């Protein structure tokens, strides 16, 4: 029984790490160009996301907190002047935090993972 519990915990940790790395691959989506922010001005957001994501993927551990994720990405938001870019960053970061918190092993078959709320 204890071995089963330990293996389940190890699987959960590995699943959380894999989920984090998978979610970090999804940068904020660019918004349609506006008079104050076009695609060229949105490129630094994608670059900054990639750097932050690489850092988190390298430093990742199963108990990585949402506060750690926020510490990496909050300075990016503070440096952006475009409200649409800021919203895109906040949305992706919130999705990342929420999805990680809800990642669990699928019941009955430990080979598969599911995200709470998905089918």
Protein backbone atom coordinates (compact mmCIF):
# COMPACT_ATOMS: atom_id res chain seq x y z
CA UNK A 1 0.00 0.00 0.00
CA UNK A 2 2.80 2.40 0.91
CA UNK A 3 4.67 1.58 -2.30
CA UNK A 4 1.51 2.24 -4.32
CA UNK A 5 1.08 5.62 -2.63
CA UNK A 6 4.73 6.52 -3.24
CA UNK A 7 4.49 5.56 -6.92
CA UNK A 8 1.32 7.63 -7.26
CA UNK A 9 3.11 10.63 -5.76
CA UNK A 10 6.08 10.20 -8.10
CA UNK A 11 3.70 9.96 -11.08
CA UNK A 12 1.91 13.10 -9.94
CA UNK A 13 5.20 15.01 -9.65
CA UNK A 14 6.34 13.87 -13.09
CA UNK A 15 2.95 14.77 -14.56
CA UNK A 16 3.06 18.25 -13.00
CA UNK A 17 6.54 18.83 -14.45
CA UNK A 18 5.50 17.64 -17.90
CA UNK A 19 2.36 19.79 -17.78
CA UNK A 20 4.36 22.87 -16.77
CA UNK A 21 6.82 22.41 -19.62
CA UNK A 22 4.00 21.80 -22.10
CA UNK A 23 2.13 24.91 -20.99
CA UNK A 24 5.26 27.05 -21.14
CA UNK A 25 5.45 26.32 -24.87
CA UNK A 26 2.31 28.43 -25.43
CA UNK A 27 3.33 32.10 -25.56
CA UNK A 28 0.79 34.93 -25.40
CA UNK A 29 -1.08 35.28 -28.69
CA UNK A 30 -0.39 38.50 -30.57
CA UNK A 31 -3.32 40.87 -30.79
CA UNK A 32 -4.41 42.61 -34.00
CA UNK A 33 -2.28 45.67 -34.76
CA UNK A 34 -3.40 48.98 -33.32
CA UNK A 35 -2.08 52.47 -33.96
CA UNK A 36 0.04 52.22 -30.80
CA UNK A 37 1.13 48.57 -31.02
CA UNK A 38 1.82 46.63 -34.19
CA UNK A 39 3.37 43.19 -34.74
CA UNK A 40 6.92 44.58 -34.58
CA UNK A 41 6.24 46.07 -31.15
CA UNK A 42 4.81 42.75 -29.96
CA UNK A 43 7.95 40.76 -30.77
CA UNK A 44 9.68 41.71 -27.48
CA UNK A 45 6.76 40.14 -25.59
CA UNK A 46 7.32 36.82 -27.38
CA UNK A 47 11.07 37.01 -26.73
CA UNK A 48 10.59 37.89 -23.08
CA UNK A 49 8.07 35.05 -22.68
CA UNK A 50 10.53 32.61 -24.25
CA UNK A 51 13.29 33.68 -21.84
CA UNK A 52 10.99 33.46 -18.81
CA UNK A 53 9.62 30.10 -19.97
CA UNK A 54 13.14 28.73 -20.50
CA UNK A 55 14.16 29.84 -17.01
CA UNK A 56 11.09 28.23 -15.43
CA UNK A 57 11.54 25.02 -17.42
CA UNK A 58 15.17 24.81 -16.30
CA UNK A 59 14.38 25.56 -12.65
CA UNK A 60 11.16 23.52 -12.60
CA UNK A 61 10.34 21.25 -9.73
CA UNK A 62 7.02 19.61 -8.84
CA UNK A 63 6.24 22.09 -6.09
CA UNK A 64 6.96 25.25 -8.09
CA UNK A 65 4.61 27.85 -6.67
CA UNK A 66 2.40 30.28 -8.51
CA UNK A 67 4.31 33.05 -6.71
CA UNK A 68 7.50 31.85 -8.45
CA UNK A 69 5.75 31.95 -11.82
CA UNK A 70 4.47 35.45 -11.06
CA UNK A 71 7.96 36.63 -10.02
CA UNK A 72 9.25 35.67 -13.46
CA UNK A 73 6.44 37.12 -15.57
CA UNK A 74 5.25 40.15 -13.54
CA UNK A 75 8.23 42.33 -14.56
CA UNK A 76 7.35 41.68 -18.21
CA UNK A 77 3.87 43.07 -17.66
CA UNK A 78 5.22 46.11 -15.83
CA UNK A 79 7.48 46.98 -18.78
CA UNK A 80 4.73 46.81 -21.40
CA UNK A 81 2.90 49.96 -22.37
CA UNK A 82 0.19 48.26 -24.46
CA UNK A 83 -2.87 47.21 -22.45
CA UNK A 84 -3.71 44.46 -24.96
CA UNK A 85 -0.23 42.96 -24.63
CA UNK A 86 -0.52 43.14 -20.83
CA UNK A 87 -3.90 41.40 -20.95
CA UNK A 88 -2.52 38.65 -23.20
CA UNK A 89 0.35 38.04 -20.77
CA UNK A 90 -1.95 37.98 -17.74
CA UNK A 91 -4.33 35.57 -19.49
CA UNK A 92 -1.59 33.10 -20.42
CA UNK A 93 0.01 33.30 -16.98
CA UNK A 94 -3.36 32.70 -15.27
CA UNK A 95 -4.06 29.74 -17.57
CA UNK A 96 -0.63 28.34 -16.75
CA UNK A 97 -1.21 28.66 -13.00
CA UNK A 98 -4.76 27.29 -13.11
CA UNK A 99 -3.91 24.33 -15.35
CA UNK A 100 -0.97 23.30 -13.22
CA UNK A 101 -3.01 23.47 -10.05
CA UNK A 102 -5.66 21.20 -11.53
CA UNK A 103 -3.44 18.59 -13.14
CA UNK A 104 -4.20 15.18 -11.71
CA UNK A 105 -3.82 11.60 -12.75
CA UNK A 106 -6.77 10.13 -14.57
CA UNK A 107 -8.66 7.73 -12.37
CA UNK A 108 -8.25 4.07 -13.12
CA UNK A 109 -5.34 4.38 -15.53
CA UNK A 110 -2.10 5.96 -14.27
CA UNK A 111 -0.68 6.19 -17.81
CA UNK A 112 -2.94 9.05 -18.76
CA UNK A 113 -3.31 12.50 -17.30
CA UNK A 114 -6.24 14.80 -17.48
CA UNK A 115 -6.84 18.39 -16.57
CA UNK A 116 -9.74 19.00 -14.23
CA UNK A 117 -12.51 20.58 -16.23
CA UNK A 118 -11.48 18.96 -19.53
CA UNK A 119 -13.17 15.95 -21.07
